[in-house]
């Protein structure tokens, strides 16, 4: 039993959508919560959340895809 590269890629994309949304929400909440300490207003908190989420999309997609392909190449734990 093994996964195709297409399946790994689609899993990468769908997971990245979920994970990036989570990163955006957590960054927005944190930046809004600590906005006074950070010296930013709500629009800057929103921009910060977008920047953080945007930067992590590509690097984490590549890392997840490589991780998925690595696990797909192992027979360990598959029945």
C-alpha atoms as a PDB file:
ATOM      1  CA  UNK A   1       0.000   0.000   0.000  1.00  0.00           C
ATOM      2  CA  UNK A   2       1.366   3.409  -0.969  1.00  0.00           C
ATOM      3  CA  UNK A   3       0.131   6.885  -1.835  1.00  0.00           C
ATOM      4  CA  UNK A   4       0.483   8.533  -5.229  1.00  0.00           C
ATOM      5  CA  UNK A   5       2.297  11.843  -5.590  1.00  0.00           C
ATOM      6  CA  UNK A   6      -0.998  13.446  -6.679  1.00  0.00           C
ATOM      7  CA  UNK A   7      -2.698  12.287  -3.465  1.00  0.00           C
ATOM      8  CA  UNK A   8       0.207  13.619  -1.387  1.00  0.00           C
ATOM      9  CA  UNK A   9       0.012  16.959  -3.189  1.00  0.00           C
ATOM     10  CA  UNK A  10      -3.758  17.300  -2.655  1.00  0.00           C
ATOM     11  CA  UNK A  11      -3.355  16.386   1.014  1.00  0.00           C
ATOM     12  CA  UNK A  12      -0.642  19.043   1.220  1.00  0.00           C
ATOM     13  CA  UNK A  13      -2.875  21.740  -0.280  1.00  0.00           C
ATOM     14  CA  UNK A  14      -5.968  20.943   1.813  1.00  0.00           C
ATOM     15  CA  UNK A  15      -3.941  20.701   5.013  1.00  0.00           C
ATOM     16  CA  UNK A  16      -2.194  23.979   4.218  1.00  0.00           C
ATOM     17  CA  UNK A  17      -5.540  25.760   3.828  1.00  0.00           C
ATOM     18  CA  UNK A  18      -6.605  24.545   7.265  1.00  0.00           C
ATOM     19  CA  UNK A  19      -3.247  25.261   8.913  1.00  0.00           C
ATOM     20  CA  UNK A  20      -2.831  28.718   7.365  1.00  0.00           C
ATOM     21  CA  UNK A  21      -6.323  29.698   8.471  1.00  0.00           C
ATOM     22  CA  UNK A  22      -5.394  28.596  11.983  1.00  0.00           C
ATOM     23  CA  UNK A  23      -2.143  30.586  11.875  1.00  0.00           C
ATOM     24  CA  UNK A  24      -3.980  33.684  10.644  1.00  0.00           C
ATOM     25  CA  UNK A  25      -6.622  33.457  13.378  1.00  0.00           C
ATOM     26  CA  UNK A  26      -4.096  32.821  16.163  1.00  0.00           C
ATOM     27  CA  UNK A  27      -1.845  35.661  14.989  1.00  0.00           C
ATOM     28  CA  UNK A  28      -4.805  38.031  14.669  1.00  0.00           C
ATOM     29  CA  UNK A  29      -6.064  37.177  18.154  1.00  0.00           C
ATOM     30  CA  UNK A  30      -2.559  37.507  19.640  1.00  0.00           C
ATOM     31  CA  UNK A  31      -1.772  40.756  17.827  1.00  0.00           C
ATOM     32  CA  UNK A  32      -5.149  42.227  18.806  1.00  0.00           C
ATOM     33  CA  UNK A  33      -4.792  41.057  22.419  1.00  0.00           C
ATOM     34  CA  UNK A  34      -1.285  42.534  22.703  1.00  0.00           C
ATOM     35  CA  UNK A  35      -1.857  45.473  20.350  1.00  0.00           C
ATOM     36  CA  UNK A  36      -1.104  48.082  23.003  1.00  0.00           C
ATOM     37  CA  UNK A  37       2.138  46.338  23.981  1.00  0.00           C
ATOM     38  CA  UNK A  38       3.087  46.025  20.313  1.00  0.00           C
ATOM     39  CA  UNK A  39       2.102  49.594  19.542  1.00  0.00           C
ATOM     40  CA  UNK A  40      -0.264  48.641  16.718  1.00  0.00           C
ATOM     41  CA  UNK A  41      -3.928  49.223  15.945  1.00  0.00           C
ATOM     42  CA  UNK A  42      -6.488  46.676  14.747  1.00  0.00           C
ATOM     43  CA  UNK A  43      -5.784  47.215  11.036  1.00  0.00           C
ATOM     44  CA  UNK A  44      -2.073  46.685  11.645  1.00  0.00           C
ATOM     45  CA  UNK A  45      -2.884  43.520  13.631  1.00  0.00           C
ATOM     46  CA  UNK A  46      -4.884  42.267  10.642  1.00  0.00           C
ATOM     47  CA  UNK A  47      -1.968  43.101   8.301  1.00  0.00           C
ATOM     48  CA  UNK A  48       0.479  41.337  10.619  1.00  0.00           C
ATOM     49  CA  UNK A  49      -1.712  38.216  10.680  1.00  0.00           C
ATOM     50  CA  UNK A  50      -1.889  38.268   6.875  1.00  0.00           C
ATOM     51  CA  UNK A  51       1.860  38.655   6.564  1.00  0.00           C
ATOM     52  CA  UNK A  52       2.639  35.798   8.938  1.00  0.00           C
ATOM     53  CA  UNK A  53       0.077  33.508   7.278  1.00  0.00           C
ATOM     54  CA  UNK A  54       1.317  34.456   3.818  1.00  0.00           C
ATOM     55  CA  UNK A  55       4.967  33.800   4.590  1.00  0.00           C
ATOM     56  CA  UNK A  56       4.362  30.358   6.031  1.00  0.00           C
ATOM     57  CA  UNK A  57       2.252  29.029   3.143  1.00  0.00           C
ATOM     58  CA  UNK A  58       4.997  28.092   0.702  1.00  0.00           C
ATOM     59  CA  UNK A  59       7.650  26.862   3.126  1.00  0.00           C
ATOM     60  CA  UNK A  60       5.253  24.699   5.104  1.00  0.00           C
ATOM     61  CA  UNK A  61       3.674  23.240   1.949  1.00  0.00           C
ATOM     62  CA  UNK A  62       7.099  22.112   0.789  1.00  0.00           C
ATOM     63  CA  UNK A  63       8.011  20.708   4.202  1.00  0.00           C
ATOM     64  CA  UNK A  64       4.686  18.874   4.561  1.00  0.00           C
ATOM     65  CA  UNK A  65       4.913  17.406   1.043  1.00  0.00           C
ATOM     66  CA  UNK A  66       8.420  16.096   1.708  1.00  0.00           C
ATOM     67  CA  UNK A  67       7.263  14.720   5.067  1.00  0.00           C
ATOM     68  CA  UNK A  68       4.259  13.018   3.440  1.00  0.00           C
ATOM     69  CA  UNK A  69       6.369  11.487   0.653  1.00  0.00           C
ATOM     70  CA  UNK A  70       8.895  10.259   3.185  1.00  0.00           C
ATOM     71  CA  UNK A  71       6.208   8.508   5.201  1.00  0.00           C
ATOM     72  CA  UNK A  72       4.606   7.128   2.018  1.00  0.00           C
ATOM     73  CA  UNK A  73       7.872   5.449   1.103  1.00  0.00           C
ATOM     74  CA  UNK A  74       7.965   3.495   4.376  1.00  0.00           C
ATOM     75  CA  UNK A  75       6.194   0.188   4.804  1.00  0.00           C
ATOM     76  CA  UNK A  76       6.373   0.444   8.591  1.00  0.00           C
ATOM     77  CA  UNK A  77       2.911   0.557  10.183  1.00  0.00           C
ATOM     78  CA  UNK A  78       0.995  -0.250   6.984  1.00  0.00           C
ATOM     79  CA  UNK A  79      -1.216  -3.292   6.798  1.00  0.00           C
END
